[in-house]
């Protein structure tokens, strides 16, 4: 069930809770809601990359993070992982 909130951080938190309980599709929806409010919200982008349905989608999201924050170590590590898949 979708809760109405007005903060990307709240949607991020709900998404993380969904991921941790195995509800990846629901998590992606929360992350999408967060990104509608704040399209460059890096923590949300990182989590969205984690639950993306394909490696290619994960890579595209992580590359977007690196455009926003070229020194982001999590995005770099994620891309290194994706290249090994």
N, C-alpha and C. Protein backbone atom coordinates (compact mmCIF):
# COMPACT_ATOMS: atom_id res chain seq x y z
N UNK A 1 0.84 -1.17 0.00
CA UNK A 1 0.00 0.00 0.00
C UNK A 1 0.89 1.24 0.00
N UNK A 2 0.61 2.20 -0.87
CA UNK A 2 1.41 3.41 -0.99
C UNK A 2 0.96 4.43 0.05
N UNK A 3 1.92 4.95 0.80
CA UNK A 3 1.64 5.98 1.78
C UNK A 3 1.95 7.33 1.15
N UNK A 4 1.19 8.34 1.49
CA UNK A 4 1.41 9.68 0.96
C UNK A 4 2.40 10.40 1.87
N UNK A 5 3.51 10.80 1.28
CA UNK A 5 4.53 11.55 2.01
C UNK A 5 5.04 12.66 1.10
N UNK A 6 5.73 13.61 1.67
CA UNK A 6 6.17 14.77 0.88
C UNK A 6 7.68 14.98 0.92
N UNK A 7 8.44 13.95 1.12
CA UNK A 7 9.88 14.10 1.22
C UNK A 7 10.59 12.97 0.49
N UNK A 8 11.61 13.32 -0.33
CA UNK A 8 12.35 12.23 -0.96
C UNK A 8 13.02 11.32 0.07
N UNK A 9 13.43 11.88 1.20
CA UNK A 9 14.06 11.06 2.24
C UNK A 9 13.09 10.06 2.83
N UNK A 10 11.85 10.46 2.99
CA UNK A 10 10.85 9.53 3.53
C UNK A 10 10.59 8.40 2.53
N UNK A 11 10.44 8.75 1.24
CA UNK A 11 10.26 7.71 0.22
C UNK A 11 11.48 6.80 0.17
N UNK A 12 12.66 7.37 0.30
CA UNK A 12 13.88 6.57 0.32
C UNK A 12 13.82 5.57 1.47
N UNK A 13 13.45 6.05 2.64
CA UNK A 13 13.36 5.18 3.81
C UNK A 13 12.35 4.05 3.60
N UNK A 14 11.20 4.40 3.05
CA UNK A 14 10.18 3.37 2.76
C UNK A 14 10.71 2.36 1.74
N UNK A 15 11.43 2.86 0.75
CA UNK A 15 12.01 1.97 -0.26
C UNK A 15 13.04 1.03 0.32
N UNK A 16 13.89 1.55 1.18
CA UNK A 16 14.91 0.71 1.82
C UNK A 16 14.25 -0.36 2.66
N UNK A 17 13.22 0.02 3.41
CA UNK A 17 12.47 -0.98 4.20
C UNK A 17 11.89 -2.06 3.29
N UNK A 18 11.37 -1.66 2.14
CA UNK A 18 10.81 -2.63 1.20
C UNK A 18 11.89 -3.57 0.67
N UNK A 19 13.05 -3.03 0.33
CA UNK A 19 14.16 -3.87 -0.15
C UNK A 19 14.53 -4.90 0.91
N UNK A 20 14.67 -4.43 2.13
CA UNK A 20 15.12 -5.31 3.22
C UNK A 20 14.14 -6.42 3.55
N UNK A 21 12.89 -6.26 3.12
CA UNK A 21 11.89 -7.30 3.37
C UNK A 21 11.51 -8.02 2.08
N UNK A 22 12.35 -7.87 1.04
CA UNK A 22 12.17 -8.63 -0.19
C UNK A 22 11.15 -8.08 -1.17
N UNK A 23 10.68 -6.87 -0.97
CA UNK A 23 9.66 -6.29 -1.84
C UNK A 23 10.32 -5.31 -2.81
N UNK A 24 11.07 -5.86 -3.76
CA UNK A 24 11.88 -5.04 -4.67
C UNK A 24 11.04 -4.17 -5.60
N UNK A 25 9.96 -4.69 -6.12
CA UNK A 25 9.11 -3.90 -7.01
C UNK A 25 8.51 -2.71 -6.26
N UNK A 26 8.03 -2.95 -5.06
CA UNK A 26 7.51 -1.86 -4.23
C UNK A 26 8.61 -0.84 -3.93
N UNK A 27 9.81 -1.34 -3.67
CA UNK A 27 10.94 -0.44 -3.40
C UNK A 27 11.20 0.46 -4.60
N UNK A 28 11.19 -0.10 -5.79
CA UNK A 28 11.42 0.72 -6.99
C UNK A 28 10.36 1.81 -7.12
N UNK A 29 9.14 1.48 -6.77
CA UNK A 29 8.07 2.50 -6.82
C UNK A 29 8.37 3.64 -5.85
N UNK A 30 8.76 3.31 -4.63
CA UNK A 30 9.11 4.36 -3.66
C UNK A 30 10.28 5.20 -4.17
N UNK A 31 11.29 4.53 -4.72
CA UNK A 31 12.44 5.28 -5.23
C UNK A 31 12.03 6.19 -6.39
N UNK A 32 11.13 5.71 -7.23
CA UNK A 32 10.62 6.55 -8.32
C UNK A 32 9.89 7.78 -7.77
N UNK A 33 9.09 7.58 -6.72
CA UNK A 33 8.40 8.71 -6.09
C UNK A 33 9.40 9.72 -5.56
N UNK A 34 10.45 9.24 -4.91
CA UNK A 34 11.48 10.13 -4.36
C UNK A 34 12.15 10.93 -5.47
N UNK A 35 12.44 10.25 -6.58
CA UNK A 35 13.13 10.92 -7.68
C UNK A 35 12.22 11.90 -8.43
N UNK A 36 10.92 11.71 -8.36
CA UNK A 36 10.01 12.70 -8.93
C UNK A 36 10.11 14.02 -8.15
N UNK A 37 10.34 13.92 -6.86
CA UNK A 37 10.48 15.11 -6.02
C UNK A 37 11.87 15.71 -6.11
N UNK A 38 12.86 14.86 -6.28
CA UNK A 38 14.25 15.32 -6.32
C UNK A 38 15.04 14.43 -7.27
N UNK A 39 15.04 14.77 -8.59
CA UNK A 39 15.61 13.88 -9.61
C UNK A 39 17.09 13.56 -9.43
N UNK A 40 17.82 14.37 -8.72
CA UNK A 40 19.26 14.14 -8.54
C UNK A 40 19.61 13.69 -7.13
N UNK A 41 18.67 13.07 -6.45
CA UNK A 41 18.88 12.60 -5.08
C UNK A 41 19.77 11.36 -5.11
N UNK A 42 21.04 11.56 -4.89
CA UNK A 42 22.04 10.50 -5.07
C UNK A 42 21.77 9.25 -4.23
N UNK A 43 21.43 9.38 -2.94
CA UNK A 43 21.16 8.14 -2.19
C UNK A 43 20.04 7.30 -2.82
N UNK A 44 19.01 7.96 -3.31
CA UNK A 44 17.92 7.23 -3.96
C UNK A 44 18.40 6.59 -5.26
N UNK A 45 19.18 7.31 -6.03
CA UNK A 45 19.70 6.75 -7.27
C UNK A 45 20.54 5.49 -7.00
N UNK A 46 21.33 5.53 -5.96
CA UNK A 46 22.17 4.37 -5.63
C UNK A 46 21.30 3.15 -5.27
N UNK A 47 20.28 3.38 -4.47
CA UNK A 47 19.39 2.28 -4.12
C UNK A 47 18.62 1.79 -5.33
N UNK A 48 18.19 2.71 -6.18
CA UNK A 48 17.47 2.31 -7.39
C UNK A 48 18.36 1.45 -8.28
N UNK A 49 19.62 1.79 -8.37
CA UNK A 49 20.56 0.97 -9.15
C UNK A 49 20.65 -0.44 -8.57
N UNK A 50 20.59 -0.53 -7.25
CA UNK A 50 20.68 -1.83 -6.57
C UNK A 50 19.50 -2.73 -6.92
N UNK A 51 18.31 -2.14 -7.10
CA UNK A 51 17.12 -2.96 -7.36
C UNK A 51 16.68 -2.92 -8.82
N UNK A 52 17.49 -2.32 -9.68
CA UNK A 52 17.13 -2.26 -11.10
C UNK A 52 16.97 -3.67 -11.66
N UNK A 53 16.02 -3.86 -12.57
CA UNK A 53 15.76 -5.21 -13.07
C UNK A 53 16.87 -5.78 -13.95
N UNK A 54 17.72 -4.92 -14.54
CA UNK A 54 18.80 -5.43 -15.39
C UNK A 54 20.12 -4.76 -15.02
N UNK A 55 21.18 -5.44 -15.36
CA UNK A 55 22.52 -4.89 -15.13
C UNK A 55 22.69 -3.60 -15.94
N UNK A 56 22.16 -3.58 -17.15
CA UNK A 56 22.29 -2.39 -18.00
C UNK A 56 21.60 -1.19 -17.36
N UNK A 57 20.42 -1.41 -16.77
CA UNK A 57 19.74 -0.31 -16.09
C UNK A 57 20.53 0.16 -14.87
N UNK A 58 21.09 -0.78 -14.14
CA UNK A 58 21.94 -0.42 -13.00
C UNK A 58 23.11 0.44 -13.46
N UNK A 59 23.75 0.02 -14.53
CA UNK A 59 24.89 0.78 -15.06
C UNK A 59 24.48 2.20 -15.44
N UNK A 60 23.36 2.34 -16.12
CA UNK A 60 22.92 3.66 -16.55
C UNK A 60 22.66 4.57 -15.36
N UNK A 61 22.05 4.03 -14.32
CA UNK A 61 21.78 4.83 -13.12
C UNK A 61 23.09 5.20 -12.43
N UNK A 62 24.00 4.26 -12.31
CA UNK A 62 25.28 4.54 -11.66
C UNK A 62 26.10 5.56 -12.45
N UNK A 63 26.02 5.50 -13.76
CA UNK A 63 26.70 6.51 -14.59
C UNK A 63 26.09 7.89 -14.35
N UNK A 64 24.78 7.94 -14.15
CA UNK A 64 24.11 9.20 -13.83
C UNK A 64 24.63 9.76 -12.50
N UNK A 65 24.81 8.88 -11.53
CA UNK A 65 25.36 9.31 -10.23
C UNK A 65 26.74 9.91 -10.43
N UNK A 66 27.56 9.27 -11.25
CA UNK A 66 28.92 9.77 -11.46
C UNK A 66 28.95 11.10 -12.21
N UNK A 67 27.95 11.37 -13.01
CA UNK A 67 27.86 12.69 -13.65
C UNK A 67 27.60 13.74 -12.56
N UNK A 68 26.74 13.39 -11.61
CA UNK A 68 26.41 14.32 -10.52
C UNK A 68 27.53 14.43 -9.50
N UNK A 69 28.20 13.30 -9.24
CA UNK A 69 29.25 13.24 -8.21
C UNK A 69 30.37 12.32 -8.72
N UNK A 70 31.32 12.88 -9.48
CA UNK A 70 32.36 12.06 -10.11
C UNK A 70 33.23 11.25 -9.15
N UNK A 71 33.25 11.62 -7.88
CA UNK A 71 34.08 10.91 -6.91
C UNK A 71 33.30 9.91 -6.06
N UNK A 72 32.06 9.64 -6.42
CA UNK A 72 31.22 8.77 -5.61
C UNK A 72 31.75 7.33 -5.66
N UNK A 73 32.26 6.88 -4.54
CA UNK A 73 32.90 5.56 -4.46
C UNK A 73 31.89 4.42 -4.60
N UNK A 74 30.69 4.61 -4.09
CA UNK A 74 29.67 3.55 -4.21
C UNK A 74 29.29 3.34 -5.68
N UNK A 75 29.14 4.43 -6.41
CA UNK A 75 28.80 4.31 -7.83
C UNK A 75 29.94 3.65 -8.59
N UNK A 76 31.17 4.02 -8.28
CA UNK A 76 32.32 3.40 -8.94
C UNK A 76 32.38 1.90 -8.64
N UNK A 77 32.15 1.54 -7.39
CA UNK A 77 32.17 0.11 -7.01
C UNK A 77 31.03 -0.64 -7.70
N UNK A 78 29.87 -0.01 -7.78
CA UNK A 78 28.73 -0.64 -8.45
C UNK A 78 29.01 -0.87 -9.93
N UNK A 79 29.62 0.11 -10.57
CA UNK A 79 29.96 -0.06 -12.00
C UNK A 79 30.99 -1.17 -12.19
N UNK A 80 31.96 -1.23 -11.30
CA UNK A 80 32.97 -2.31 -11.38
C UNK A 80 32.28 -3.67 -11.25
N UNK A 81 31.33 -3.78 -10.32
CA UNK A 81 30.57 -5.03 -10.15
C UNK A 81 29.79 -5.33 -11.44
N UNK A 82 29.09 -4.33 -11.96
CA UNK A 82 28.24 -4.52 -13.14
C UNK A 82 29.06 -4.99 -14.34
N UNK A 83 30.26 -4.48 -14.48
CA UNK A 83 31.12 -4.88 -15.59
C UNK A 83 31.55 -6.33 -15.49
N UNK A 84 31.51 -6.90 -14.30
CA UNK A 84 31.90 -8.31 -14.10
C UNK A 84 30.73 -9.26 -14.38
N UNK A 85 29.54 -8.72 -14.53
CA UNK A 85 28.36 -9.58 -14.73
C UNK A 85 28.23 -10.02 -16.17
